[in-house]
Amino acid sequence: MSAIWVIAKRELQSFFDSLIAYIMLILFLGFSGFFTWLFGSDVFFVEQASLESFFNIAFWSLFFFIPALTMRLLAEENKTGTIELLLTKAVTDREVVIGKFLSTLLLVGIALAFTMPYAITVANIGNLDYGQVVCGYLGLLLMSAAYISIGLYASSLTHNQIVAFLLALFIGLFFHIIFGVLANNFTGFVAQLLNTLSLSNHFESIIRGVVDTRDLIYFGSIILIGLILSELSLTKRNLS
């Protein structure tokens, strides 16, 4: 566990040393703040104390930001050869994968923590449903964790960060949009299966304030599969 935490702290520090963290925080807070408070379906337009507009905006902005964060995690190490140096130390492939996963999740958590003034402000405007707010943030963290695991796997497959970014985005599109769209064109078991695979459906369920066990299992499964595939990719590379 200590090795995982050391790797997570090292990666989190590297985000800030390379200015990636600052750029991500500024862009995320800028996008979410602008569209939550000033433009489109902002909190004033809906005329009720709700952060639903923020959660919907963060749902899309994090979808694009996370592949940009994960693309370098293993691809850069593969390119520079530092992954071999890291793996020659007393750490396992699993510890490397989980440590890098946690570092990105912590950065997303920091970004979401900076939006807490949104909740405080809206709570001062009207009767805010705190349960729904907690579920909304939980939904964003679960969604982020799922896409981080996908991005980590994409990063483990290549030496090129751009390829890793596009691959993570391509895989994520299926969960974010395509499965939901395809479900509308089918009926019966196929439609039900595609609806189940759609991340949007599970996210919308949670931000409505309903935490269903099936939603938790869904997100947990994507996270676990992404981490396992990333570890297998590293193991395969070490054996080759």
C-alpha atoms as a PDB file:
ATOM      1  CA  MET A   1       0.000   0.000   0.000  1.00  0.00           C
ATOM      2  CA  SER A   2       2.879   2.363   0.770  1.00  0.00           C
ATOM      3  CA  ALA A   3       4.312   1.800  -2.720  1.00  0.00           C
ATOM      4  CA  ILE A   4       0.936   2.685  -4.267  1.00  0.00           C
ATOM      5  CA  TRP A   5       0.741   5.874  -2.225  1.00  0.00           C
ATOM      6  CA  VAL A   6       4.336   6.837  -3.122  1.00  0.00           C
ATOM      7  CA  ILE A   7       3.582   6.387  -6.839  1.00  0.00           C
ATOM      8  CA  ALA A   8       0.288   8.284  -6.517  1.00  0.00           C
ATOM      9  CA  LYS A   9       1.987  11.226  -4.795  1.00  0.00           C
ATOM     10  CA  ARG A  10       4.817  11.212  -7.346  1.00  0.00           C
ATOM     11  CA  GLU A  11       2.377  11.301 -10.258  1.00  0.00           C
ATOM     12  CA  LEU A  12       0.195  13.941  -8.634  1.00  0.00           C
ATOM     13  CA  GLN A  13       3.269  16.092  -8.051  1.00  0.00           C
ATOM     14  CA  SER A  14       4.299  15.616 -11.697  1.00  0.00           C
ATOM     15  CA  PHE A  15       0.889  16.956 -12.791  1.00  0.00           C
ATOM     16  CA  PHE A  16       1.588  20.173 -10.892  1.00  0.00           C
ATOM     17  CA  ASP A  17       5.292  20.354 -11.871  1.00  0.00           C
ATOM     18  CA  SER A  18       4.391  20.152 -15.577  1.00  0.00           C
ATOM     19  CA  LEU A  19       1.589  22.740 -15.211  1.00  0.00           C
ATOM     20  CA  ILE A  20      -0.928  20.175 -16.517  1.00  0.00           C
ATOM     21  CA  ALA A  21      -2.818  20.330 -13.236  1.00  0.00           C
ATOM     22  CA  TYR A  22      -3.061  24.141 -13.296  1.00  0.00           C
ATOM     23  CA  ILE A  23      -4.211  24.169 -16.927  1.00  0.00           C
ATOM     24  CA  MET A  24      -6.789  21.464 -16.223  1.00  0.00           C
ATOM     25  CA  LEU A  25      -8.097  23.292 -13.142  1.00  0.00           C
ATOM     26  CA  ILE A  26      -8.350  26.639 -14.937  1.00  0.00           C
ATOM     27  CA  LEU A  27     -10.090  25.178 -17.996  1.00  0.00           C
ATOM     28  CA  PHE A  28     -12.459  23.000 -15.976  1.00  0.00           C
ATOM     29  CA  LEU A  29     -13.446  25.773 -13.581  1.00  0.00           C
ATOM     30  CA  GLY A  30     -13.709  28.235 -16.472  1.00  0.00           C
ATOM     31  CA  PHE A  31     -15.963  25.997 -18.568  1.00  0.00           C
ATOM     32  CA  SER A  32     -18.122  24.815 -15.705  1.00  0.00           C
ATOM     33  CA  GLY A  33     -18.386  28.274 -14.167  1.00  0.00           C
ATOM     34  CA  PHE A  34     -19.282  29.988 -17.439  1.00  0.00           C
ATOM     35  CA  PHE A  35     -21.973  27.518 -18.450  1.00  0.00           C
ATOM     36  CA  THR A  36     -23.302  27.057 -14.919  1.00  0.00           C
ATOM     37  CA  TRP A  37     -23.672  30.723 -14.052  1.00  0.00           C
ATOM     38  CA  LEU A  38     -23.633  32.793 -17.227  1.00  0.00           C
ATOM     39  CA  PHE A  39     -24.724  30.959 -20.351  1.00  0.00           C
ATOM     40  CA  GLY A  40     -27.444  28.544 -21.541  1.00  0.00           C
ATOM     41  CA  SER A  41     -29.387  26.552 -18.946  1.00  0.00           C
ATOM     42  CA  ASP A  42     -27.680  28.240 -16.005  1.00  0.00           C
ATOM     43  CA  VAL A  43     -28.871  28.063 -12.409  1.00  0.00           C
ATOM     44  CA  PHE A  44     -30.811  31.318 -12.781  1.00  0.00           C
ATOM     45  CA  PHE A  45     -32.627  30.125 -15.913  1.00  0.00           C
ATOM     46  CA  VAL A  46     -34.004  26.965 -14.241  1.00  0.00           C
ATOM     47  CA  GLU A  47     -35.386  29.137 -11.418  1.00  0.00           C
ATOM     48  CA  GLN A  48     -34.755  26.603  -8.680  1.00  0.00           C
ATOM     49  CA  ALA A  49     -31.931  25.875  -6.251  1.00  0.00           C
ATOM     50  CA  SER A  50     -30.271  23.057  -8.122  1.00  0.00           C
ATOM     51  CA  LEU A  51     -26.779  22.144  -9.345  1.00  0.00           C
ATOM     52  CA  GLU A  52     -28.108  19.882 -12.094  1.00  0.00           C
ATOM     53  CA  SER A  53     -26.854  22.257 -14.816  1.00  0.00           C
ATOM     54  CA  PHE A  54     -23.324  22.108 -13.325  1.00  0.00           C
ATOM     55  CA  PHE A  55     -23.392  18.302 -13.128  1.00  0.00           C
ATOM     56  CA  ASN A  56     -24.475  18.072 -16.772  1.00  0.00           C
ATOM     57  CA  ILE A  57     -21.687  20.444 -17.864  1.00  0.00           C
ATOM     58  CA  ALA A  58     -19.064  18.634 -15.774  1.00  0.00           C
ATOM     59  CA  PHE A  59     -20.303  15.350 -17.269  1.00  0.00           C
ATOM     60  CA  TRP A  60     -19.135  16.563 -20.698  1.00  0.00           C
ATOM     61  CA  SER A  61     -16.065  18.597 -19.755  1.00  0.00           C
ATOM     62  CA  LEU A  62     -14.540  15.767 -17.687  1.00  0.00           C
ATOM     63  CA  PHE A  63     -15.202  13.377 -20.574  1.00  0.00           C
ATOM     64  CA  PHE A  64     -12.737  15.388 -22.697  1.00  0.00           C
ATOM     65  CA  PHE A  65     -10.312  16.418 -19.935  1.00  0.00           C
ATOM     66  CA  ILE A  66      -9.668  12.958 -18.503  1.00  0.00           C
ATOM     67  CA  PRO A  67      -8.131  11.407 -21.669  1.00  0.00           C
ATOM     68  CA  ALA A  68      -5.825  14.451 -21.778  1.00  0.00           C
ATOM     69  CA  LEU A  69      -4.706  13.652 -18.222  1.00  0.00           C
ATOM     70  CA  THR A  70      -4.302   9.897 -18.682  1.00  0.00           C
ATOM     71  CA  MET A  71      -2.605   9.893 -22.098  1.00  0.00           C
ATOM     72  CA  ARG A  72       0.853  10.450 -20.592  1.00  0.00           C
ATOM     73  CA  LEU A  73       0.580   8.152 -17.574  1.00  0.00           C
ATOM     74  CA  LEU A  74       2.096   5.054 -19.180  1.00  0.00           C
ATOM     75  CA  ALA A  75       2.686   6.156 -22.796  1.00  0.00           C
ATOM     76  CA  GLU A  76       5.383   8.619 -21.748  1.00  0.00           C
ATOM     77  CA  GLU A  77       7.025   6.061 -19.482  1.00  0.00           C
ATOM     78  CA  ASN A  78       6.957   3.556 -22.354  1.00  0.00           C
ATOM     79  CA  LYS A  79       8.509   6.072 -24.735  1.00  0.00           C
ATOM     80  CA  THR A  80      11.310   7.211 -22.436  1.00  0.00           C
ATOM     81  CA  GLY A  81      11.966   3.754 -21.040  1.00  0.00           C
ATOM     82  CA  THR A  82      11.445   4.895 -17.464  1.00  0.00           C
ATOM     83  CA  ILE A  83       8.716   2.274 -17.025  1.00  0.00           C
ATOM     84  CA  GLU A  84      11.434  -0.413 -17.036  1.00  0.00           C
ATOM     85  CA  LEU A  85      13.388   1.498 -14.396  1.00  0.00           C
ATOM     86  CA  LEU A  86      10.255   1.869 -12.304  1.00  0.00           C
ATOM     87  CA  LEU A  87       9.373  -1.798 -12.596  1.00  0.00           C
ATOM     88  CA  THR A  88      12.895  -2.908 -11.650  1.00  0.00           C
ATOM     89  CA  LYS A  89      12.287  -1.384  -8.229  1.00  0.00           C
ATOM     90  CA  ALA A  90      10.392  -3.199  -5.523  1.00  0.00           C
ATOM     91  CA  VAL A  91       7.001  -2.427  -7.002  1.00  0.00           C
ATOM     92  CA  THR A  92       4.581  -4.641  -8.889  1.00  0.00           C
ATOM     93  CA  ASP A  93       2.716  -3.899 -12.089  1.00  0.00           C
ATOM     94  CA  ARG A  94      -0.480  -3.691 -10.064  1.00  0.00           C
ATOM     95  CA  GLU A  95       0.980  -1.098  -7.690  1.00  0.00           C
ATOM     96  CA  VAL A  96       2.136   1.025 -10.636  1.00  0.00           C
ATOM     97  CA  VAL A  97      -1.302   0.884 -12.267  1.00  0.00           C
ATOM     98  CA  ILE A  98      -3.259   1.619  -9.080  1.00  0.00           C
ATOM     99  CA  GLY A  99      -0.859   4.387  -8.044  1.00  0.00           C
ATOM    100  CA  LYS A 100      -1.209   6.179 -11.375  1.00  0.00           C
ATOM    101  CA  PHE A 101      -4.990   5.644 -11.302  1.00  0.00           C
ATOM    102  CA  LEU A 102      -5.249   7.191  -7.826  1.00  0.00           C
ATOM    103  CA  SER A 103      -3.082  10.181  -8.772  1.00  0.00           C
ATOM    104  CA  THR A 104      -5.456  11.169 -11.593  1.00  0.00           C
ATOM    105  CA  LEU A 105      -8.539  10.522  -9.484  1.00  0.00           C
ATOM    106  CA  LEU A 106      -7.085  12.757  -6.760  1.00  0.00           C
ATOM    107  CA  LEU A 107      -6.511  15.537  -9.304  1.00  0.00           C
ATOM    108  CA  VAL A 108     -10.133  15.269 -10.484  1.00  0.00           C
ATOM    109  CA  GLY A 109     -11.226  15.280  -6.843  1.00  0.00           C
ATOM    110  CA  ILE A 110      -9.265  18.500  -6.270  1.00  0.00           C
ATOM    111  CA  ALA A 111     -10.937  20.064  -9.323  1.00  0.00           C
ATOM    112  CA  LEU A 112     -14.389  19.089  -8.018  1.00  0.00           C
ATOM    113  CA  ALA A 113     -13.523  20.394  -4.532  1.00  0.00           C
ATOM    114  CA  PHE A 114     -12.917  23.829  -6.066  1.00  0.00           C
ATOM    115  CA  THR A 115     -16.559  23.835  -7.241  1.00  0.00           C
ATOM    116  CA  MET A 116     -17.922  23.546  -3.711  1.00  0.00           C
ATOM    117  CA  PRO A 117     -18.548  27.333  -3.614  1.00  0.00           C
ATOM    118  CA  TYR A 118     -21.138  26.653  -6.329  1.00  0.00           C
ATOM    119  CA  ALA A 119     -23.122  24.522  -3.887  1.00  0.00           C
ATOM    120  CA  ILE A 120     -22.721  27.074  -1.087  1.00  0.00           C
ATOM    121  CA  THR A 121     -23.908  29.884  -3.354  1.00  0.00           C
ATOM    122  CA  VAL A 122     -26.920  27.962  -4.651  1.00  0.00           C
ATOM    123  CA  ALA A 123     -27.794  26.918  -1.075  1.00  0.00           C
ATOM    124  CA  ASN A 124     -28.001  30.607  -0.184  1.00  0.00           C
ATOM    125  CA  ILE A 125     -30.376  31.239  -3.092  1.00  0.00           C
ATOM    126  CA  GLY A 126     -32.991  28.644  -2.197  1.00  0.00           C
ATOM    127  CA  ASN A 127     -33.712  25.243  -0.656  1.00  0.00           C
ATOM    128  CA  LEU A 128     -30.951  23.076  -2.061  1.00  0.00           C
ATOM    129  CA  ASP A 129     -31.436  19.308  -2.003  1.00  0.00           C
ATOM    130  CA  TYR A 130     -28.175  18.316  -0.286  1.00  0.00           C
ATOM    131  CA  GLY A 131     -28.748  14.615  -0.918  1.00  0.00           C
ATOM    132  CA  GLN A 132     -28.977  15.258  -4.639  1.00  0.00           C
ATOM    133  CA  VAL A 133     -25.800  17.362  -4.504  1.00  0.00           C
ATOM    134  CA  VAL A 134     -23.861  14.587  -2.750  1.00  0.00           C
ATOM    135  CA  CYS A 135     -25.157  12.066  -5.300  1.00  0.00           C
ATOM    136  CA  GLY A 136     -24.184  14.425  -8.132  1.00  0.00           C
ATOM    137  CA  TYR A 137     -20.596  14.667  -6.924  1.00  0.00           C
ATOM    138  CA  LEU A 138     -20.530  10.910  -6.328  1.00  0.00           C
ATOM    139  CA  GLY A 139     -21.708  10.377  -9.918  1.00  0.00           C
ATOM    140  CA  LEU A 140     -18.953  12.639 -11.263  1.00  0.00           C
ATOM    141  CA  LEU A 141     -16.288  10.811  -9.248  1.00  0.00           C
ATOM    142  CA  LEU A 142     -17.521   7.385 -10.372  1.00  0.00           C
ATOM    143  CA  MET A 143     -17.695   8.514 -13.987  1.00  0.00           C
ATOM    144  CA  SER A 144     -14.204  10.008 -13.728  1.00  0.00           C
ATOM    145  CA  ALA A 145     -12.800   6.835 -12.179  1.00  0.00           C
ATOM    146  CA  ALA A 146     -14.304   4.774 -15.017  1.00  0.00           C
ATOM    147  CA  TYR A 147     -12.793   6.994 -17.708  1.00  0.00           C
ATOM    148  CA  ILE A 148      -9.440   7.153 -15.901  1.00  0.00           C
ATOM    149  CA  SER A 149      -9.223   3.351 -15.940  1.00  0.00           C
ATOM    150  CA  ILE A 150     -10.077   3.354 -19.665  1.00  0.00           C
ATOM    151  CA  GLY A 151      -7.515   6.098 -20.327  1.00  0.00           C
ATOM    152  CA  LEU A 152      -4.877   4.243 -18.325  1.00  0.00           C
ATOM    153  CA  TYR A 153      -5.440   1.128 -20.405  1.00  0.00           C
ATOM    154  CA  ALA A 154      -5.224   3.143 -23.643  1.00  0.00           C
ATOM    155  CA  SER A 155      -1.983   4.730 -22.394  1.00  0.00           C
ATOM    156  CA  SER A 156      -0.509   1.300 -21.644  1.00  0.00           C
ATOM    157  CA  LEU A 157      -0.941   0.199 -25.268  1.00  0.00           C
ATOM    158  CA  THR A 158       1.213   2.790 -26.992  1.00  0.00           C
ATOM    159  CA  HIS A 159       4.291   5.025 -26.785  1.00  0.00           C
ATOM    160  CA  ASN A 160       2.436   7.926 -28.394  1.00  0.00           C
ATOM    161  CA  GLN A 161       0.422  10.242 -26.122  1.00  0.00           C
ATOM    162  CA  ILE A 162      -1.793  11.503 -28.969  1.00  0.00           C
ATOM    163  CA  VAL A 163      -2.695   7.935 -29.922  1.00  0.00           C
ATOM    164  CA  ALA A 164      -3.446   7.196 -26.256  1.00  0.00           C
ATOM    165  CA  PHE A 165      -5.684  10.288 -26.055  1.00  0.00           C
ATOM    166  CA  LEU A 166      -7.633   9.424 -29.215  1.00  0.00           C
ATOM    167  CA  LEU A 167      -7.961   5.759 -28.254  1.00  0.00           C
ATOM    168  CA  ALA A 168      -9.303   6.636 -24.787  1.00  0.00           C
ATOM    169  CA  LEU A 169     -11.718   9.113 -26.345  1.00  0.00           C
ATOM    170  CA  PHE A 170     -12.850   6.554 -28.925  1.00  0.00           C
ATOM    171  CA  ILE A 171     -13.556   3.875 -26.304  1.00  0.00           C
ATOM    172  CA  GLY A 172     -15.217   6.431 -24.050  1.00  0.00           C
ATOM    173  CA  LEU A 173     -17.549   7.563 -26.839  1.00  0.00           C
ATOM    174  CA  PHE A 174     -19.233   4.164 -26.824  1.00  0.00           C
ATOM    175  CA  PHE A 175     -20.069   4.440 -23.124  1.00  0.00           C
ATOM    176  CA  HIS A 176     -20.843   8.165 -23.260  1.00  0.00           C
ATOM    177  CA  ILE A 177     -23.039   8.318 -26.369  1.00  0.00           C
ATOM    178  CA  ILE A 178     -23.059   5.408 -28.809  1.00  0.00           C
ATOM    179  CA  PHE A 179     -24.536   2.673 -26.606  1.00  0.00           C
ATOM    180  CA  GLY A 180     -27.398   4.993 -25.621  1.00  0.00           C
ATOM    181  CA  VAL A 181     -28.085   6.018 -29.222  1.00  0.00           C
ATOM    182  CA  LEU A 182     -27.995   2.419 -30.457  1.00  0.00           C
ATOM    183  CA  ALA A 183     -30.395   1.361 -27.686  1.00  0.00           C
ATOM    184  CA  ASN A 184     -33.057   3.611 -29.198  1.00  0.00           C
ATOM    185  CA  ASN A 185     -32.851   1.662 -32.469  1.00  0.00           C
ATOM    186  CA  PHE A 186     -33.376  -1.776 -30.953  1.00  0.00           C
ATOM    187  CA  THR A 187     -36.000  -3.481 -28.859  1.00  0.00           C
ATOM    188  CA  GLY A 188     -36.061  -6.303 -26.339  1.00  0.00           C
ATOM    189  CA  PHE A 189     -32.915  -7.837 -24.923  1.00  0.00           C
ATOM    190  CA  VAL A 190     -30.510  -5.975 -27.228  1.00  0.00           C
ATOM    191  CA  ALA A 191     -32.005  -2.595 -26.278  1.00  0.00           C
ATOM    192  CA  GLN A 192     -31.861  -3.514 -22.599  1.00  0.00           C
ATOM    193  CA  LEU A 193     -28.240  -4.632 -22.926  1.00  0.00           C
ATOM    194  CA  LEU A 194     -27.205  -1.430 -24.715  1.00  0.00           C
ATOM    195  CA  ASN A 195     -29.049   0.690 -22.147  1.00  0.00           C
ATOM    196  CA  THR A 196     -27.209  -1.157 -19.393  1.00  0.00           C
ATOM    197  CA  LEU A 197     -23.861  -0.483 -21.084  1.00  0.00           C
ATOM    198  CA  SER A 198     -24.634   3.231 -21.491  1.00  0.00           C
ATOM    199  CA  LEU A 199     -22.731   5.218 -18.855  1.00  0.00           C
ATOM    200  CA  SER A 200     -25.043   8.180 -19.383  1.00  0.00           C
ATOM    201  CA  ASN A 201     -28.045   6.239 -18.102  1.00  0.00           C
ATOM    202  CA  HIS A 202     -26.284   5.246 -14.873  1.00  0.00           C
ATOM    203  CA  PHE A 203     -24.906   8.761 -14.344  1.00  0.00           C
ATOM    204  CA  GLU A 204     -28.331  10.384 -14.843  1.00  0.00           C
ATOM    205  CA  SER A 205     -29.827   7.935 -12.359  1.00  0.00           C
ATOM    206  CA  ILE A 206     -27.306   8.924  -9.683  1.00  0.00           C
ATOM    207  CA  ILE A 207     -27.513  12.717 -10.162  1.00  0.00           C
ATOM    208  CA  ARG A 208     -31.288  12.471  -9.683  1.00  0.00           C
ATOM    209  CA  GLY A 209     -30.438  11.451  -6.123  1.00  0.00           C
ATOM    210  CA  VAL A 210     -30.933   7.705  -6.502  1.00  0.00           C
ATOM    211  CA  VAL A 211     -27.917   5.502  -5.707  1.00  0.00           C
ATOM    212  CA  ASP A 212     -28.822   2.077  -7.051  1.00  0.00           C
ATOM    213  CA  THR A 213     -26.635  -0.964  -6.402  1.00  0.00           C
ATOM    214  CA  ARG A 214     -26.721  -1.730 -10.135  1.00  0.00           C
ATOM    215  CA  ASP A 215     -25.157   1.676 -10.872  1.00  0.00           C
ATOM    216  CA  LEU A 216     -22.359   1.054  -8.348  1.00  0.00           C
ATOM    217  CA  ILE A 217     -21.715  -2.412  -9.798  1.00  0.00           C
ATOM    218  CA  TYR A 218     -21.650  -0.936 -13.307  1.00  0.00           C
ATOM    219  CA  PHE A 219     -19.052   1.715 -12.493  1.00  0.00           C
ATOM    220  CA  GLY A 220     -17.060  -0.704 -10.321  1.00  0.00           C
ATOM    221  CA  SER A 221     -16.952  -3.211 -13.183  1.00  0.00           C
ATOM    222  CA  ILE A 222     -15.614  -0.680 -15.706  1.00  0.00           C
ATOM    223  CA  ILE A 223     -12.982   0.536 -13.239  1.00  0.00           C
ATOM    224  CA  LEU A 224     -11.895  -3.008 -12.369  1.00  0.00           C
ATOM    225  CA  ILE A 225     -11.767  -4.174 -15.996  1.00  0.00           C
ATOM    226  CA  GLY A 226      -9.764  -1.102 -17.031  1.00  0.00           C
ATOM    227  CA  LEU A 227      -7.233  -1.599 -14.235  1.00  0.00           C
ATOM    228  CA  ILE A 228      -6.898  -5.339 -14.888  1.00  0.00           C
ATOM    229  CA  LEU A 229      -6.359  -4.770 -18.626  1.00  0.00           C
ATOM    230  CA  SER A 230      -3.749  -2.096 -17.844  1.00  0.00           C
ATOM    231  CA  GLU A 231      -1.908  -4.462 -15.525  1.00  0.00           C
ATOM    232  CA  LEU A 232      -2.048  -7.266 -18.098  1.00  0.00           C
ATOM    233  CA  SER A 233      -0.695  -4.893 -20.724  1.00  0.00           C
ATOM    234  CA  LEU A 234       2.267  -4.007 -18.504  1.00  0.00           C
ATOM    235  CA  THR A 235       2.867  -7.664 -17.645  1.00  0.00           C
ATOM    236  CA  LYS A 236       2.765  -8.663 -21.316  1.00  0.00           C
ATOM    237  CA  ARG A 237       5.259  -5.911 -22.126  1.00  0.00           C
ATOM    238  CA  ASN A 238       7.630  -7.116 -19.416  1.00  0.00           C
ATOM    239  CA  LEU A 239       7.484 -10.692 -20.687  1.00  0.00           C
ATOM    240  CA  SER A 240       8.083  -9.760 -24.326  1.00  0.00           C
END
